[in-house]
Every structure is written in C-alpha cells, then in structure tokens.
C-alpha cells in the first residue's frame, strides 16, 4: 500500500490544488470517489493491469464513468492512464479526502462502544472531541461487545482508550511486570 500511496500522492496533490483554485473540492471528491470505485472493480482492475494501449485504457475508463466525470476529470484520467496509474485511483481519493478534511478542518472519528450511544451522548461526545481536537468532528459509531464498557475512540493517529477492556488489559500488564 505504501508504494501506491507514493505513486498517488502527486496526483492527489495536483487534483486538490486544481479543485481548490476552482472552488470545486466537493465536485472533485465525488468524481474521484466514483472513478476509484470503477478502478476497484475486478474486471476493470484486470483490464487496467493488462497490456492495453494507454489511449484505449483512458477511453474505456472514461466511457464507463460516463457523465460522472466532467472535462477536467476526463483529462485527469487521461494523464493517469498515460502513466498507467489508474489502479492507484483508490489511493488518490484517500489522499484527496485527507487533504480535503485538513482544509475544512474536519476529522473522521471512529467510536467503538459496548452499546448503542444515545443522541445526547453523541452530541456531548462531538462537543468534547471538537474542543480537544480543534476540528469539526464527524463520528462513525459502532457497537463492539469486546469493549465491555466505556468507549474506544480513534481519530487519525490519536487513540483514546476509555474502555473497560483497555483498563483490564493495562491492569493485567501492570500485574505481570
């Protein structure tokens, strides 16, 4: 994956800078997301990894995407096809999303709880996390019975483990040392 990230970074950066200049960040995010889903398709992936001329590759890819790509998006696909990099589109959209979230000061936070959170708990959690992270927070809540109680929160590289399972694990490690 790190190789794809290295390949995808300049494309994602170029797309983001172009989208920013043209005030079309959300439009580009949608186009890239759609194109990435097309590139992930098994049949398309096999085609993209085949020995097809880059012009034919770009033409077929653009036809499959149809009206989901505007003229600039089609040019972007052509440039990636010339370098035979269309298989890196999922990594491009991932990096583009990171840049977009950084620009709009938003962070996706995964929350794991033993039971479903109430609306009040969710609202309070969002307020607390926005204050702590100094960003707008978008929660992705999941129920995970292995948490036992409390919450396990993951925001990028930051992990806040307030779960009973985490406390029990730390206690076990302390007792074993």
C-alpha atoms as a PDB file:
ATOM      1  CA  UNK A   1       0.000   0.000   0.000  1.00  0.00           C
ATOM      2  CA  UNK A   2       2.827   2.429   0.732  1.00  0.00           C
ATOM      3  CA  UNK A   3       4.016   2.092  -2.882  1.00  0.00           C
ATOM      4  CA  UNK A   4       0.544   3.057  -4.135  1.00  0.00           C
ATOM      5  CA  UNK A   5       0.487   5.959  -1.699  1.00  0.00           C
ATOM      6  CA  UNK A   6       3.812   7.195  -3.049  1.00  0.00           C
ATOM      7  CA  UNK A   7       2.528   6.914  -6.625  1.00  0.00           C
ATOM      8  CA  UNK A   8      -0.830   8.511  -5.757  1.00  0.00           C
ATOM      9  CA  UNK A   9       0.450  11.484  -3.737  1.00  0.00           C
ATOM     10  CA  UNK A  10       1.420  13.786  -6.651  1.00  0.00           C
ATOM     11  CA  UNK A  11      -1.861  13.064  -8.458  1.00  0.00           C
ATOM     12  CA  UNK A  12      -3.909  13.707  -5.326  1.00  0.00           C
ATOM     13  CA  UNK A  13      -1.997  16.918  -4.627  1.00  0.00           C
ATOM     14  CA  UNK A  14      -2.442  18.175  -8.193  1.00  0.00           C
ATOM     15  CA  UNK A  15      -6.159  17.335  -8.183  1.00  0.00           C
ATOM     16  CA  UNK A  16      -6.663  19.001  -4.809  1.00  0.00           C
ATOM     17  CA  UNK A  17      -4.804  22.166  -5.794  1.00  0.00           C
ATOM     18  CA  UNK A  18      -6.788  22.404  -9.031  1.00  0.00           C
ATOM     19  CA  UNK A  19     -10.070  21.812  -7.172  1.00  0.00           C
ATOM     20  CA  UNK A  20      -9.129  24.422  -4.570  1.00  0.00           C
ATOM     21  CA  UNK A  21      -8.287  27.023  -7.227  1.00  0.00           C
ATOM     22  CA  UNK A  22     -11.623  26.403  -8.937  1.00  0.00           C
ATOM     23  CA  UNK A  23     -13.699  26.167  -5.733  1.00  0.00           C
ATOM     24  CA  UNK A  24     -14.749  22.645  -6.685  1.00  0.00           C
ATOM     25  CA  UNK A  25     -13.376  20.485  -3.864  1.00  0.00           C
ATOM     26  CA  UNK A  26     -16.615  18.595  -3.270  1.00  0.00           C
ATOM     27  CA  UNK A  27     -17.213  18.080  -7.000  1.00  0.00           C
ATOM     28  CA  UNK A  28     -13.703  16.677  -7.447  1.00  0.00           C
ATOM     29  CA  UNK A  29     -14.078  14.475  -4.380  1.00  0.00           C
ATOM     30  CA  UNK A  30     -17.249  12.973  -5.856  1.00  0.00           C
ATOM     31  CA  UNK A  31     -15.634  12.455  -9.278  1.00  0.00           C
ATOM     32  CA  UNK A  32     -12.527  10.851  -7.823  1.00  0.00           C
ATOM     33  CA  UNK A  33     -14.577   8.663  -5.488  1.00  0.00           C
ATOM     34  CA  UNK A  34     -16.648   7.367  -8.386  1.00  0.00           C
ATOM     35  CA  UNK A  35     -13.571   6.779 -10.542  1.00  0.00           C
ATOM     36  CA  UNK A  36     -11.884   4.946  -7.649  1.00  0.00           C
ATOM     37  CA  UNK A  37     -14.872   2.626  -7.318  1.00  0.00           C
ATOM     38  CA  UNK A  38     -14.685   1.898 -11.047  1.00  0.00           C
ATOM     39  CA  UNK A  39     -10.943   1.175 -10.733  1.00  0.00           C
ATOM     40  CA  UNK A  40     -11.608  -1.205  -7.801  1.00  0.00           C
ATOM     41  CA  UNK A  41     -13.948  -3.350  -9.903  1.00  0.00           C
ATOM     42  CA  UNK A  42     -12.303  -6.742 -10.530  1.00  0.00           C
ATOM     43  CA  UNK A  43     -12.925  -6.751 -14.287  1.00  0.00           C
ATOM     44  CA  UNK A  44     -11.733  -3.162 -14.676  1.00  0.00           C
ATOM     45  CA  UNK A  45      -8.687  -3.801 -12.495  1.00  0.00           C
ATOM     46  CA  UNK A  46      -7.751  -6.787 -14.655  1.00  0.00           C
ATOM     47  CA  UNK A  47      -8.177  -4.620 -17.772  1.00  0.00           C
ATOM     48  CA  UNK A  48      -6.061  -1.807 -16.292  1.00  0.00           C
ATOM     49  CA  UNK A  49      -3.265  -4.236 -15.444  1.00  0.00           C
ATOM     50  CA  UNK A  50      -3.353  -5.742 -18.937  1.00  0.00           C
ATOM     51  CA  UNK A  51      -1.249  -4.797 -21.926  1.00  0.00           C
ATOM     52  CA  UNK A  52      -3.650  -2.292 -23.454  1.00  0.00           C
ATOM     53  CA  UNK A  53      -2.558   0.982 -25.034  1.00  0.00           C
ATOM     54  CA  UNK A  54      -2.971   3.928 -22.685  1.00  0.00           C
ATOM     55  CA  UNK A  55      -5.285   5.751 -25.122  1.00  0.00           C
ATOM     56  CA  UNK A  56      -7.627   2.741 -25.273  1.00  0.00           C
ATOM     57  CA  UNK A  57      -7.411   2.361 -21.491  1.00  0.00           C
ATOM     58  CA  UNK A  58      -8.362   6.005 -20.914  1.00  0.00           C
ATOM     59  CA  UNK A  59     -11.160   5.892 -23.488  1.00  0.00           C
ATOM     60  CA  UNK A  60     -12.787   2.788 -21.998  1.00  0.00           C
ATOM     61  CA  UNK A  61     -12.394   4.076 -18.443  1.00  0.00           C
ATOM     62  CA  UNK A  62     -13.971   7.425 -19.347  1.00  0.00           C
ATOM     63  CA  UNK A  63     -16.837   5.652 -21.156  1.00  0.00           C
ATOM     64  CA  UNK A  64     -17.515   3.507 -18.092  1.00  0.00           C
ATOM     65  CA  UNK A  65     -17.510   6.572 -15.831  1.00  0.00           C
ATOM     66  CA  UNK A  66     -19.849   8.367 -18.236  1.00  0.00           C
ATOM     67  CA  UNK A  67     -21.240  11.676 -17.072  1.00  0.00           C
ATOM     68  CA  UNK A  68     -19.741  11.269 -13.612  1.00  0.00           C
ATOM     69  CA  UNK A  69     -16.542  12.897 -14.941  1.00  0.00           C
ATOM     70  CA  UNK A  70     -16.510  16.435 -16.285  1.00  0.00           C
ATOM     71  CA  UNK A  71     -13.996  17.535 -18.939  1.00  0.00           C
ATOM     72  CA  UNK A  72     -11.251  18.269 -16.416  1.00  0.00           C
ATOM     73  CA  UNK A  73     -11.863  14.941 -14.689  1.00  0.00           C
ATOM     74  CA  UNK A  74     -11.558  13.177 -18.036  1.00  0.00           C
ATOM     75  CA  UNK A  75      -8.246  14.954 -18.650  1.00  0.00           C
ATOM     76  CA  UNK A  76      -7.081  13.827 -15.222  1.00  0.00           C
ATOM     77  CA  UNK A  77      -7.945  10.216 -16.096  1.00  0.00           C
ATOM     78  CA  UNK A  78      -6.081  10.548 -19.420  1.00  0.00           C
ATOM     79  CA  UNK A  79      -2.954  11.801 -17.638  1.00  0.00           C
ATOM     80  CA  UNK A  80      -3.107   8.921 -15.154  1.00  0.00           C
ATOM     81  CA  UNK A  81      -3.697   6.437 -17.993  1.00  0.00           C
ATOM     82  CA  UNK A  82      -0.648   7.714 -19.908  1.00  0.00           C
ATOM     83  CA  UNK A  83       1.478   6.786 -16.893  1.00  0.00           C
ATOM     84  CA  UNK A  84      -0.504   3.552 -16.365  1.00  0.00           C
ATOM     85  CA  UNK A  85      -1.518   4.727 -12.882  1.00  0.00           C
ATOM     86  CA  UNK A  86      -5.301   4.289 -12.958  1.00  0.00           C
ATOM     87  CA  UNK A  87      -5.036   1.410 -10.472  1.00  0.00           C
ATOM     88  CA  UNK A  88      -3.795   3.995  -7.944  1.00  0.00           C
ATOM     89  CA  UNK A  89      -7.122   5.893  -8.023  1.00  0.00           C
ATOM     90  CA  UNK A  90      -8.356   4.437  -4.685  1.00  0.00           C
ATOM     91  CA  UNK A  91      -5.173   5.734  -3.015  1.00  0.00           C
ATOM     92  CA  UNK A  92      -5.572   9.081  -4.814  1.00  0.00           C
ATOM     93  CA  UNK A  93      -9.098   9.535  -3.472  1.00  0.00           C
ATOM     94  CA  UNK A  94      -7.965   8.549   0.029  1.00  0.00           C
ATOM     95  CA  UNK A  95      -5.186  11.162  -0.005  1.00  0.00           C
ATOM     96  CA  UNK A  96      -7.519  13.719  -1.580  1.00  0.00           C
ATOM     97  CA  UNK A  97     -10.003  13.100   1.250  1.00  0.00           C
ATOM     98  CA  UNK A  98      -7.258  13.664   3.833  1.00  0.00           C
ATOM     99  CA  UNK A  99      -6.308  16.962   2.169  1.00  0.00           C
ATOM    100  CA  UNK A 100      -9.967  17.969   1.971  1.00  0.00           C
ATOM    101  CA  UNK A 101     -10.559  17.184   5.630  1.00  0.00           C
ATOM    102  CA  UNK A 102      -7.431  19.086   6.607  1.00  0.00           C
ATOM    103  CA  UNK A 103      -8.546  22.082   4.542  1.00  0.00           C
ATOM    104  CA  UNK A 104     -12.046  22.192   6.010  1.00  0.00           C
ATOM    105  CA  UNK A 105     -10.681  21.340   9.459  1.00  0.00           C
ATOM    106  CA  UNK A 106     -12.723  18.161   9.765  1.00  0.00           C
ATOM    107  CA  UNK A 107     -11.702  14.815  11.183  1.00  0.00           C
ATOM    108  CA  UNK A 108     -13.406  11.439  10.929  1.00  0.00           C
ATOM    109  CA  UNK A 109     -13.574   9.776  14.332  1.00  0.00           C
ATOM    110  CA  UNK A 110     -14.338   6.092  14.837  1.00  0.00           C
ATOM    111  CA  UNK A 111     -16.059   5.360  18.141  1.00  0.00           C
ATOM    112  CA  UNK A 112     -16.495   1.839  19.470  1.00  0.00           C
ATOM    113  CA  UNK A 113     -18.905   1.319  22.351  1.00  0.00           C
ATOM    114  CA  UNK A 114     -20.360  -1.751  24.049  1.00  0.00           C
ATOM    115  CA  UNK A 115     -23.886  -0.463  23.464  1.00  0.00           C
ATOM    116  CA  UNK A 116     -25.509   1.988  21.069  1.00  0.00           C
ATOM    117  CA  UNK A 117     -24.895   5.617  22.044  1.00  0.00           C
ATOM    118  CA  UNK A 118     -27.886   7.848  22.719  1.00  0.00           C
ATOM    119  CA  UNK A 119     -28.335  11.099  20.829  1.00  0.00           C
ATOM    120  CA  UNK A 120     -27.382  13.075  23.956  1.00  0.00           C
ATOM    121  CA  UNK A 121     -24.204  11.037  24.412  1.00  0.00           C
ATOM    122  CA  UNK A 122     -23.323  11.509  20.754  1.00  0.00           C
ATOM    123  CA  UNK A 123     -23.876  15.269  20.957  1.00  0.00           C
ATOM    124  CA  UNK A 124     -21.777  15.566  24.127  1.00  0.00           C
ATOM    125  CA  UNK A 125     -19.027  13.413  22.625  1.00  0.00           C
ATOM    126  CA  UNK A 126     -18.905  15.531  19.465  1.00  0.00           C
ATOM    127  CA  UNK A 127     -18.669  18.734  21.527  1.00  0.00           C
ATOM    128  CA  UNK A 128     -15.875  17.317  23.697  1.00  0.00           C
ATOM    129  CA  UNK A 129     -13.895  15.963  20.752  1.00  0.00           C
ATOM    130  CA  UNK A 130     -14.253  19.191  18.748  1.00  0.00           C
ATOM    131  CA  UNK A 131     -12.861  21.098  21.715  1.00  0.00           C
ATOM    132  CA  UNK A 132      -9.989  18.650  22.242  1.00  0.00           C
ATOM    133  CA  UNK A 133      -9.066  18.178  18.565  1.00  0.00           C
ATOM    134  CA  UNK A 134      -9.797  21.787  17.497  1.00  0.00           C
ATOM    135  CA  UNK A 135     -11.616  20.477  14.414  1.00  0.00           C
ATOM    136  CA  UNK A 136     -15.093  19.719  13.232  1.00  0.00           C
ATOM    137  CA  UNK A 137     -15.802  16.082  14.117  1.00  0.00           C
ATOM    138  CA  UNK A 138     -17.665  13.528  12.022  1.00  0.00           C
ATOM    139  CA  UNK A 139     -18.489  10.458  14.145  1.00  0.00           C
ATOM    140  CA  UNK A 140     -18.639   6.900  12.889  1.00  0.00           C
ATOM    141  CA  UNK A 141     -20.158   4.967  15.786  1.00  0.00           C
ATOM    142  CA  UNK A 142     -20.011   1.175  16.033  1.00  0.00           C
ATOM    143  CA  UNK A 143     -21.155  -1.312  18.633  1.00  0.00           C
ATOM    144  CA  UNK A 144     -18.382  -3.683  19.735  1.00  0.00           C
ATOM    145  CA  UNK A 145     -19.178  -6.006  22.623  1.00  0.00           C
ATOM    146  CA  UNK A 146     -15.461  -6.685  23.231  1.00  0.00           C
ATOM    147  CA  UNK A 147     -15.171  -3.121  24.574  1.00  0.00           C
ATOM    148  CA  UNK A 148     -17.220  -4.328  27.610  1.00  0.00           C
ATOM    149  CA  UNK A 149     -17.968  -0.755  28.727  1.00  0.00           C
ATOM    150  CA  UNK A 150     -16.795   2.782  28.053  1.00  0.00           C
ATOM    151  CA  UNK A 151     -15.507   3.950  24.678  1.00  0.00           C
ATOM    152  CA  UNK A 152     -12.620   3.371  22.319  1.00  0.00           C
ATOM    153  CA  UNK A 153     -12.049   6.445  20.142  1.00  0.00           C
ATOM    154  CA  UNK A 154      -9.800   6.601  17.066  1.00  0.00           C
ATOM    155  CA  UNK A 155      -9.172   9.936  15.351  1.00  0.00           C
ATOM    156  CA  UNK A 156      -6.383   9.557  12.799  1.00  0.00           C
ATOM    157  CA  UNK A 157      -3.256   8.664  14.756  1.00  0.00           C
ATOM    158  CA  UNK A 158      -4.867   9.542  18.083  1.00  0.00           C
ATOM    159  CA  UNK A 159      -6.412   6.720  20.112  1.00  0.00           C
ATOM    160  CA  UNK A 160      -8.325   7.378  23.306  1.00  0.00           C
ATOM    161  CA  UNK A 161      -8.982   4.126  25.114  1.00  0.00           C
ATOM    162  CA  UNK A 162     -11.522   4.648  27.857  1.00  0.00           C
ATOM    163  CA  UNK A 163     -12.917   1.154  27.534  1.00  0.00           C
ATOM    164  CA  UNK A 164     -13.200  -1.352  30.359  1.00  0.00           C
ATOM    165  CA  UNK A 165     -11.367  -3.879  28.138  1.00  0.00           C
ATOM    166  CA  UNK A 166      -8.450  -1.442  27.769  1.00  0.00           C
ATOM    167  CA  UNK A 167      -8.318  -0.811  31.509  1.00  0.00           C
ATOM    168  CA  UNK A 168      -8.363  -4.543  32.227  1.00  0.00           C
ATOM    169  CA  UNK A 169      -5.548  -5.107  29.714  1.00  0.00           C
ATOM    170  CA  UNK A 170      -3.444  -2.327  31.277  1.00  0.00           C
ATOM    171  CA  UNK A 171      -4.095  -3.758  34.754  1.00  0.00           C
ATOM    172  CA  UNK A 172      -3.049  -7.242  33.576  1.00  0.00           C
ATOM    173  CA  UNK A 173       0.167  -5.822  32.076  1.00  0.00           C
ATOM    174  CA  UNK A 174       0.943  -3.965  35.290  1.00  0.00           C
ATOM    175  CA  UNK A 175       0.392  -7.061  37.420  1.00  0.00           C
ATOM    176  CA  UNK A 176       2.616  -9.159  35.138  1.00  0.00           C
ATOM    177  CA  UNK A 177       5.538  -6.687  35.299  1.00  0.00           C
END
